[in-house]
C-alpha cells in the first residue's frame, strides 16, 4: 500500500498541509498554477474574499477541464471514423 506524501503549500496567502498520492513535484506545479490564477483574479477584483477568489479560480479550471475533455472525445470520434 502506497503512503501519501504530506506536502506544504501556500495558496492565496494561506498555508495548507495536503496528503497526496501523486508526486510532490506534480502537486507543487498544479498549486503554482492555482496560486497564479488566484493572484490574477484577486488583482482584477480586489474586493473579493479569498474564498470567492478560490471559487472563481476553481470554476475557470473546471471549465477548462470540461472543454479539454470534450475536445478529446471529439478527436476520438473523428479518429474512430477515419479508421472505419
PDB file of N, CA and C in Angstrom:
ATOM      1  N   UNK A   1       0.838  -1.181   0.000  1.00  0.00           N
ATOM      2  CA  UNK A   1       0.000   0.000   0.000  1.00  0.00           C
ATOM      3  C   UNK A   1       0.881   1.242   0.000  1.00  0.00           C
ATOM      4  N   UNK A   2       0.603   2.168  -0.917  1.00  0.00           N
ATOM      5  CA  UNK A   2       1.395   3.375  -1.075  1.00  0.00           C
ATOM      6  C   UNK A   2       0.998   4.409  -0.018  1.00  0.00           C
ATOM      7  N   UNK A   3       2.007   5.053   0.578  1.00  0.00           N
ATOM      8  CA  UNK A   3       1.767   6.072   1.591  1.00  0.00           C
ATOM      9  C   UNK A   3       1.686   7.433   0.908  1.00  0.00           C
ATOM     10  N   UNK A   4       0.698   8.224   1.301  1.00  0.00           N
ATOM     11  CA  UNK A   4       0.513   9.545   0.718  1.00  0.00           C
ATOM     12  C   UNK A   4       1.645  10.476   1.136  1.00  0.00           C
ATOM     13  N   UNK A   5       2.019  11.374   0.213  1.00  0.00           N
ATOM     14  CA  UNK A   5       3.003  12.409   0.508  1.00  0.00           C
ATOM     15  C   UNK A   5       2.319  13.539   1.270  1.00  0.00           C
ATOM     16  N   UNK A   6       2.976  14.039   2.309  1.00  0.00           N
ATOM     17  CA  UNK A   6       2.483  15.229   3.006  1.00  0.00           C
ATOM     18  C   UNK A   6       3.233  16.413   2.423  1.00  0.00           C
ATOM     19  N   UNK A   7       2.477  17.352   1.856  1.00  0.00           N
ATOM     20  CA  UNK A   7       3.076  18.459   1.127  1.00  0.00           C
ATOM     21  C   UNK A   7       2.534  19.769   1.682  1.00  0.00           C
ATOM     22  N   UNK A   8       3.438  20.699   1.986  1.00  0.00           N
ATOM     23  CA  UNK A   8       3.048  22.011   2.481  1.00  0.00           C
ATOM     24  C   UNK A   8       2.946  22.963   1.300  1.00  0.00           C
ATOM     25  N   UNK A   9       1.789  23.619   1.171  1.00  0.00           N
ATOM     26  CA  UNK A   9       1.531  24.544   0.075  1.00  0.00           C
ATOM     27  C   UNK A   9       1.045  25.881   0.626  1.00  0.00           C
ATOM     28  N   UNK A  10       1.294  26.950  -0.123  1.00  0.00           N
ATOM     29  CA  UNK A  10       0.744  28.262   0.224  1.00  0.00           C
ATOM     30  C   UNK A  10      -0.104  28.711  -0.948  1.00  0.00           C
ATOM     31  N   UNK A  11      -1.409  28.864  -0.688  1.00  0.00           N
ATOM     32  CA  UNK A  11      -2.370  29.267  -1.717  1.00  0.00           C
ATOM     33  C   UNK A  11      -3.171  30.453  -1.211  1.00  0.00           C
ATOM     34  N   UNK A  12      -3.173  31.516  -1.983  1.00  0.00           N
ATOM     35  CA  UNK A  12      -3.924  32.698  -1.587  1.00  0.00           C
ATOM     36  C   UNK A  12      -3.471  33.254  -0.253  1.00  0.00           C
ATOM     37  N   UNK A  13      -2.190  33.074   0.044  1.00  0.00           N
ATOM     38  CA  UNK A  13      -1.642  33.583   1.294  1.00  0.00           C
ATOM     39  C   UNK A  13      -1.896  32.694   2.500  1.00  0.00           C
ATOM     40  N   UNK A  14      -2.527  31.559   2.298  1.00  0.00           N
ATOM     41  CA  UNK A  14      -2.840  30.639   3.390  1.00  0.00           C
ATOM     42  C   UNK A  14      -2.037  29.359   3.204  1.00  0.00           C
ATOM     43  N   UNK A  15      -1.452  28.873   4.290  1.00  0.00           N
ATOM     44  CA  UNK A  15      -0.652  27.659   4.223  1.00  0.00           C
ATOM     45  C   UNK A  15      -1.528  26.433   4.451  1.00  0.00           C
ATOM     46  N   UNK A  16      -1.309  25.410   3.624  1.00  0.00           N
ATOM     47  CA  UNK A  16      -2.057  24.161   3.706  1.00  0.00           C
ATOM     48  C   UNK A  16      -1.077  22.996   3.771  1.00  0.00           C
ATOM     49  N   UNK A  17      -1.432  21.970   4.503  1.00  0.00           N
ATOM     50  CA  UNK A  17      -0.704  20.713   4.505  1.00  0.00           C
ATOM     51  C   UNK A  17      -1.640  19.689   3.880  1.00  0.00           C
ATOM     52  N   UNK A  18      -1.248  19.164   2.714  1.00  0.00           N
ATOM     53  CA  UNK A  18      -2.120  18.231   1.997  1.00  0.00           C
ATOM     54  C   UNK A  18      -1.470  16.852   1.918  1.00  0.00           C
ATOM     55  N   UNK A  19      -2.300  15.835   1.895  1.00  0.00           N
ATOM     56  CA  UNK A  19      -1.853  14.467   1.667  1.00  0.00           C
ATOM     57  C   UNK A  19      -2.191  14.127   0.225  1.00  0.00           C
ATOM     58  N   UNK A  20      -1.206  13.627  -0.510  1.00  0.00           N
ATOM     59  CA  UNK A  20      -1.434  13.310  -1.922  1.00  0.00           C
ATOM     60  C   UNK A  20      -0.688  12.038  -2.294  1.00  0.00           C
ATOM     61  N   UNK A  21      -1.342  11.230  -3.129  1.00  0.00           N
ATOM     62  CA  UNK A  21      -0.697  10.025  -3.642  1.00  0.00           C
ATOM     63  C   UNK A  21       0.233  10.362  -4.803  1.00  0.00           C
ATOM     64  N   UNK A  22      -0.003  11.510  -5.440  1.00  0.00           N
ATOM     65  CA  UNK A  22       0.796  11.922  -6.583  1.00  0.00           C
ATOM     66  C   UNK A  22       2.162  12.428  -6.133  1.00  0.00           C
ATOM     67  N   UNK A  23       3.056  12.528  -7.110  1.00  0.00           N
ATOM     68  CA  UNK A  23       4.396  13.013  -6.871  1.00  0.00           C
ATOM     69  C   UNK A  23       4.366  14.451  -6.347  1.00  0.00           C
ATOM     70  N   UNK A  24       5.244  14.771  -5.416  1.00  0.00           N
ATOM     71  CA  UNK A  24       5.272  16.105  -4.826  1.00  0.00           C
ATOM     72  C   UNK A  24       5.493  17.190  -5.876  1.00  0.00           C
ATOM     73  N   UNK A  25       6.354  16.955  -6.849  1.00  0.00           N
ATOM     74  CA  UNK A  25       6.628  17.955  -7.893  1.00  0.00           C
ATOM     75  C   UNK A  25       5.354  18.276  -8.678  1.00  0.00           C
ATOM     76  N   UNK A  26       4.536  17.273  -8.938  1.00  0.00           N
ATOM     77  CA  UNK A  26       3.275  17.489  -9.649  1.00  0.00           C
ATOM     78  C   UNK A  26       2.330  18.357  -8.818  1.00  0.00           C
ATOM     79  N   UNK A  27       2.193  18.029  -7.544  1.00  0.00           N
ATOM     80  CA  UNK A  27       1.305  18.792  -6.657  1.00  0.00           C
ATOM     81  C   UNK A  27       1.783  20.231  -6.530  1.00  0.00           C
ATOM     82  N   UNK A  28       3.076  20.431  -6.402  1.00  0.00           N
ATOM     83  CA  UNK A  28       3.631  21.785  -6.317  1.00  0.00           C
ATOM     84  C   UNK A  28       3.341  22.549  -7.602  1.00  0.00           C
ATOM     85  N   UNK A  29       3.478  21.898  -8.759  1.00  0.00           N
ATOM     86  CA  UNK A  29       3.223  22.560 -10.047  1.00  0.00           C
ATOM     87  C   UNK A  29       1.762  22.967 -10.189  1.00  0.00           C
ATOM     88  N   UNK A  30       0.832  22.075  -9.866  1.00  0.00           N
ATOM     89  CA  UNK A  30      -0.576  22.456 -10.018  1.00  0.00           C
ATOM     90  C   UNK A  30      -0.972  23.509  -8.980  1.00  0.00           C
ATOM     91  N   UNK A  31      -0.369  23.469  -7.808  1.00  0.00           N
ATOM     92  CA  UNK A  31      -0.678  24.504  -6.817  1.00  0.00           C
ATOM     93  C   UNK A  31      -0.111  25.853  -7.259  1.00  0.00           C
ATOM     94  N   UNK A  32       1.030  25.845  -7.964  1.00  0.00           N
ATOM     95  CA  UNK A  32       1.594  27.078  -8.506  1.00  0.00           C
ATOM     96  C   UNK A  32       0.633  27.685  -9.528  1.00  0.00           C
ATOM     97  N   UNK A  33       0.085  26.844 -10.401  1.00  0.00           N
ATOM     98  CA  UNK A  33      -0.880  27.319 -11.398  1.00  0.00           C
ATOM     99  C   UNK A  33      -2.129  27.887 -10.726  1.00  0.00           C
ATOM    100  N   UNK A  34      -2.610  27.206  -9.696  1.00  0.00           N
ATOM    101  CA  UNK A  34      -3.780  27.690  -8.967  1.00  0.00           C
ATOM    102  C   UNK A  34      -3.483  29.024  -8.295  1.00  0.00           C
ATOM    103  N   UNK A  35      -2.327  29.127  -7.669  1.00  0.00           N
ATOM    104  CA  UNK A  35      -1.957  30.359  -6.989  1.00  0.00           C
ATOM    105  C   UNK A  35      -1.853  31.518  -7.979  1.00  0.00           C
ATOM    106  N   UNK A  36      -1.300  31.261  -9.166  1.00  0.00           N
ATOM    107  CA  UNK A  36      -1.216  32.296 -10.201  1.00  0.00           C
ATOM    108  C   UNK A  36      -2.608  32.751 -10.624  1.00  0.00           C
ATOM    109  N   UNK A  37      -3.519  31.803 -10.803  1.00  0.00           N
ATOM    110  CA  UNK A  37      -4.890  32.149 -11.187  1.00  0.00           C
ATOM    111  C   UNK A  37      -5.560  32.963 -10.082  1.00  0.00           C
ATOM    112  N   UNK A  38      -5.355  32.562  -8.842  1.00  0.00           N
ATOM    113  CA  UNK A  38      -5.943  33.283  -7.720  1.00  0.00           C
ATOM    114  C   UNK A  38      -5.387  34.707  -7.621  1.00  0.00           C
ATOM    115  N   UNK A  39      -4.084  34.850  -7.819  1.00  0.00           N
ATOM    116  CA  UNK A  39      -3.472  36.183  -7.770  1.00  0.00           C
ATOM    117  C   UNK A  39      -4.017  37.074  -8.891  1.00  0.00           C
ATOM    118  N   UNK A  40      -4.174  36.508 -10.088  1.00  0.00           N
ATOM    119  CA  UNK A  40      -4.714  37.280 -11.212  1.00  0.00           C
ATOM    120  C   UNK A  40      -6.132  37.744 -10.921  1.00  0.00           C
ATOM    121  N   UNK A  41      -6.960  36.835 -10.431  1.00  0.00           N
ATOM    122  CA  UNK A  41      -8.349  37.174 -10.118  1.00  0.00           C
ATOM    123  C   UNK A  41      -8.399  38.214  -9.006  1.00  0.00           C
ATOM    124  N   UNK A  42      -7.566  38.035  -7.976  1.00  0.00           N
ATOM    125  CA  UNK A  42      -7.545  38.992  -6.858  1.00  0.00           C
ATOM    126  C   UNK A  42      -7.103  40.374  -7.335  1.00  0.00           C
ATOM    127  N   UNK A  43      -6.108  40.417  -8.227  1.00  0.00           N
ATOM    128  CA  UNK A  43      -5.634  41.702  -8.752  1.00  0.00           C
ATOM    129  C   UNK A  43      -6.708  42.400  -9.591  1.00  0.00           C
ATOM    130  N   UNK A  44      -7.519  41.625 -10.293  1.00  0.00           N
ATOM    131  CA  UNK A  44      -8.582  42.186 -11.119  1.00  0.00           C
ATOM    132  C   UNK A  44      -9.816  42.570 -10.303  1.00  0.00           C
ATOM    133  N   UNK A  45      -9.967  41.971  -9.118  1.00  0.00           N
ATOM    134  CA  UNK A  45     -11.164  42.161  -8.281  1.00  0.00           C
ATOM    135  C   UNK A  45     -10.742  42.243  -6.812  1.00  0.00           C
ATOM    136  N   UNK A  46     -10.114  43.326  -6.427  1.00  0.00           N
ATOM    137  CA  UNK A  46      -9.522  43.431  -5.092  1.00  0.00           C
ATOM    138  C   UNK A  46     -10.540  43.348  -3.955  1.00  0.00           C
ATOM    139  N   UNK A  47     -11.805  43.523  -4.248  1.00  0.00           N
ATOM    140  CA  UNK A  47     -12.844  43.492  -3.222  1.00  0.00           C
ATOM    141  C   UNK A  47     -13.289  42.079  -2.862  1.00  0.00           C
ATOM    142  N   UNK A  48     -12.847  41.071  -3.612  1.00  0.00           N
ATOM    143  CA  UNK A  48     -13.281  39.697  -3.364  1.00  0.00           C
ATOM    144  C   UNK A  48     -12.520  39.071  -2.198  1.00  0.00           C
ATOM    145  N   UNK A  49     -13.206  38.231  -1.444  1.00  0.00           N
ATOM    146  CA  UNK A  49     -12.560  37.480  -0.369  1.00  0.00           C
ATOM    147  C   UNK A  49     -11.716  36.354  -0.973  1.00  0.00           C
ATOM    148  N   UNK A  50     -10.845  35.780  -0.165  1.00  0.00           N
ATOM    149  CA  UNK A  50     -10.028  34.648  -0.610  1.00  0.00           C
ATOM    150  C   UNK A  50     -10.910  33.489  -1.053  1.00  0.00           C
ATOM    151  N   UNK A  51     -12.002  33.258  -0.333  1.00  0.00           N
ATOM    152  CA  UNK A  51     -12.915  32.170  -0.694  1.00  0.00           C
ATOM    153  C   UNK A  51     -13.539  32.417  -2.058  1.00  0.00           C
ATOM    154  N   UNK A  52     -13.980  33.644  -2.293  1.00  0.00           N
ATOM    155  CA  UNK A  52     -14.595  33.968  -3.588  1.00  0.00           C
ATOM    156  C   UNK A  52     -13.573  33.817  -4.714  1.00  0.00           C
ATOM    157  N   UNK A  53     -12.354  34.265  -4.476  1.00  0.00           N
ATOM    158  CA  UNK A  53     -11.288  34.140  -5.473  1.00  0.00           C
ATOM    159  C   UNK A  53     -11.026  32.669  -5.772  1.00  0.00           C
ATOM    160  N   UNK A  54     -10.967  31.842  -4.730  1.00  0.00           N
ATOM    161  CA  UNK A  54     -10.719  30.413  -4.909  1.00  0.00           C
ATOM    162  C   UNK A  54     -11.833  29.750  -5.708  1.00  0.00           C
ATOM    163  N   UNK A  55     -13.070  30.136  -5.441  1.00  0.00           N
ATOM    164  CA  UNK A  55     -14.199  29.552  -6.171  1.00  0.00           C
ATOM    165  C   UNK A  55     -14.158  29.962  -7.643  1.00  0.00           C
ATOM    166  N   UNK A  56     -13.861  31.215  -7.912  1.00  0.00           N
ATOM    167  CA  UNK A  56     -13.762  31.651  -9.314  1.00  0.00           C
ATOM    168  C   UNK A  56     -12.621  30.939 -10.035  1.00  0.00           C
ATOM    169  N   UNK A  57     -11.495  30.753  -9.358  1.00  0.00           N
ATOM    170  CA  UNK A  57     -10.376  30.016  -9.960  1.00  0.00           C
ATOM    171  C   UNK A  57     -10.788  28.571 -10.226  1.00  0.00           C
ATOM    172  N   UNK A  58     -11.484  27.961  -9.278  1.00  0.00           N
ATOM    173  CA  UNK A  58     -11.951  26.578  -9.462  1.00  0.00           C
ATOM    174  C   UNK A  58     -12.902  26.477 -10.645  1.00  0.00           C
ATOM    175  N   UNK A  59     -13.792  27.455 -10.790  1.00  0.00           N
ATOM    176  CA  UNK A  59     -14.711  27.460 -11.933  1.00  0.00           C
ATOM    177  C   UNK A  59     -13.943  27.558 -13.255  1.00  0.00           C
ATOM    178  N   UNK A  60     -12.918  28.402 -13.294  1.00  0.00           N
ATOM    179  CA  UNK A  60     -12.107  28.513 -14.512  1.00  0.00           C
ATOM    180  C   UNK A  60     -11.452  27.183 -14.859  1.00  0.00           C
ATOM    181  N   UNK A  61     -10.868  26.518 -13.850  1.00  0.00           N
ATOM    182  CA  UNK A  61     -10.197  25.248 -14.108  1.00  0.00           C
ATOM    183  C   UNK A  61     -11.183  24.147 -14.487  1.00  0.00           C
ATOM    184  N   UNK A  62     -12.352  24.129 -13.858  1.00  0.00           N
ATOM    185  CA  UNK A  62     -13.379  23.140 -14.228  1.00  0.00           C
ATOM    186  C   UNK A  62     -13.859  23.360 -15.654  1.00  0.00           C
ATOM    187  N   UNK A  63     -14.054  24.622 -16.029  1.00  0.00           N
ATOM    188  CA  UNK A  63     -14.461  24.955 -17.391  1.00  0.00           C
ATOM    189  C   UNK A  63     -13.406  24.471 -18.388  1.00  0.00           C
ATOM    190  N   UNK A  64     -12.159  24.758 -18.101  1.00  0.00           N
ATOM    191  CA  UNK A  64     -11.068  24.344 -18.993  1.00  0.00           C
ATOM    192  C   UNK A  64     -10.998  22.818 -19.101  1.00  0.00           C
ATOM    193  N   UNK A  65     -11.086  22.131 -17.969  1.00  0.00           N
ATOM    194  CA  UNK A  65     -11.014  20.662 -17.978  1.00  0.00           C
ATOM    195  C   UNK A  65     -12.177  20.054 -18.754  1.00  0.00           C
ATOM    196  N   UNK A  66     -13.366  20.611 -18.591  1.00  0.00           N
ATOM    197  CA  UNK A  66     -14.540  20.112 -19.304  1.00  0.00           C
ATOM    198  C   UNK A  66     -14.375  20.298 -20.804  1.00  0.00           C
ATOM    199  N   UNK A  67     -13.911  21.473 -21.222  1.00  0.00           N
ATOM    200  CA  UNK A  67     -13.711  21.734 -22.646  1.00  0.00           C
ATOM    201  C   UNK A  67     -12.635  20.836 -23.237  1.00  0.00           C
ATOM    202  N   UNK A  68     -11.558  20.618 -22.497  1.00  0.00           N
ATOM    203  CA  UNK A  68     -10.491  19.733 -22.976  1.00  0.00           C
ATOM    204  C   UNK A  68     -11.015  18.302 -23.106  1.00  0.00           C
ATOM    205  N   UNK A  69     -11.818  17.875 -22.145  1.00  0.00           N
ATOM    206  CA  UNK A  69     -12.408  16.537 -22.209  1.00  0.00           C
ATOM    207  C   UNK A  69     -13.309  16.370 -23.425  1.00  0.00           C
ATOM    208  N   UNK A  70     -14.111  17.393 -23.706  1.00  0.00           N
ATOM    209  CA  UNK A  70     -14.993  17.341 -24.884  1.00  0.00           C
ATOM    210  C   UNK A  70     -14.175  17.333 -26.173  1.00  0.00           C
ATOM    211  N   UNK A  71     -13.121  18.142 -26.213  1.00  0.00           N
ATOM    212  CA  UNK A  71     -12.251  18.160 -27.399  1.00  0.00           C
ATOM    213  C   UNK A  71     -11.599  16.797 -27.617  1.00  0.00           C
ATOM    214  N   UNK A  72     -11.145  16.178 -26.536  1.00  0.00           N
ATOM    215  CA  UNK A  72     -10.518  14.860 -26.641  1.00  0.00           C
ATOM    216  C   UNK A  72     -11.524  13.827 -27.140  1.00  0.00           C
ATOM    217  N   UNK A  73     -12.742  13.894 -26.653  1.00  0.00           N
ATOM    218  CA  UNK A  73     -13.772  12.954 -27.103  1.00  0.00           C
ATOM    219  C   UNK A  73     -14.094  13.165 -28.579  1.00  0.00           C
ATOM    220  N   UNK A  74     -14.177  14.410 -29.013  1.00  0.00           N
ATOM    221  CA  UNK A  74     -14.414  14.698 -30.426  1.00  0.00           C
ATOM    222  C   UNK A  74     -13.287  14.141 -31.296  1.00  0.00           C
ATOM    223  N   UNK A  75     -12.047  14.292 -30.843  1.00  0.00           N
ATOM    224  CA  UNK A  75     -10.915  13.739 -31.593  1.00  0.00           C
ATOM    225  C   UNK A  75     -10.985  12.213 -31.663  1.00  0.00           C
ATOM    226  N   UNK A  76     -11.372  11.573 -30.540  1.00  0.00           N
ATOM    227  CA  UNK A  76     -11.512  10.117 -30.536  1.00  0.00           C
ATOM    228  C   UNK A  76     -12.559   9.673 -31.554  1.00  0.00           C
ATOM    229  N   UNK A  77     -13.669  10.392 -31.591  1.00  0.00           N
ATOM    230  CA  UNK A  77     -14.734  10.054 -32.530  1.00  0.00           C
ATOM    231  C   UNK A  77     -14.271  10.249 -33.972  1.00  0.00           C
ATOM    232  N   UNK A  78     -13.540  11.314 -34.242  1.00  0.00           N
ATOM    233  CA  UNK A  78     -13.015  11.554 -35.588  1.00  0.00           C
ATOM    234  C   UNK A  78     -12.041  10.458 -36.001  1.00  0.00           C
ATOM    235  N   UNK A  79     -11.155  10.072 -35.073  1.00  0.00           N
ATOM    236  CA  UNK A  79     -10.181   9.013 -35.385  1.00  0.00           C
ATOM    237  C   UNK A  79     -10.896   7.696 -35.628  1.00  0.00           C
ATOM    238  N   UNK A  80     -11.912   7.437 -34.820  1.00  0.00           N
ATOM    239  CA  UNK A  80     -12.688   6.200 -34.999  1.00  0.00           C
ATOM    240  C   UNK A  80     -13.331   6.191 -36.375  1.00  0.00           C
ATOM    241  N   UNK A  81     -13.858   7.346 -36.810  1.00  0.00           N
ATOM    242  CA  UNK A  81     -14.457   7.462 -38.136  1.00  0.00           C
ATOM    243  C   UNK A  81     -13.449   7.230 -39.230  1.00  0.00           C
ATOM    244  N   UNK A  82     -12.247   7.768 -39.070  1.00  0.00           N
ATOM    245  CA  UNK A  82     -11.198   7.593 -40.085  1.00  0.00           C
ATOM    246  C   UNK A  82     -10.765   6.131 -40.166  1.00  0.00           C
ATOM    247  N   UNK A  83     -10.684   5.463 -39.030  1.00  0.00           N
ATOM    248  CA  UNK A  83     -10.246   4.062 -39.006  1.00  0.00           C
ATOM    249  C   UNK A  83     -11.279   3.173 -39.671  1.00  0.00           C
ATOM    250  N   UNK A  84     -12.544   3.471 -39.448  1.00  0.00           N
ATOM    251  CA  UNK A  84     -13.610   2.660 -40.044  1.00  0.00           C
ATOM    252  C   UNK A  84     -13.689   2.953 -41.503  1.00  0.00           C
TER     253      UNK A  84
END
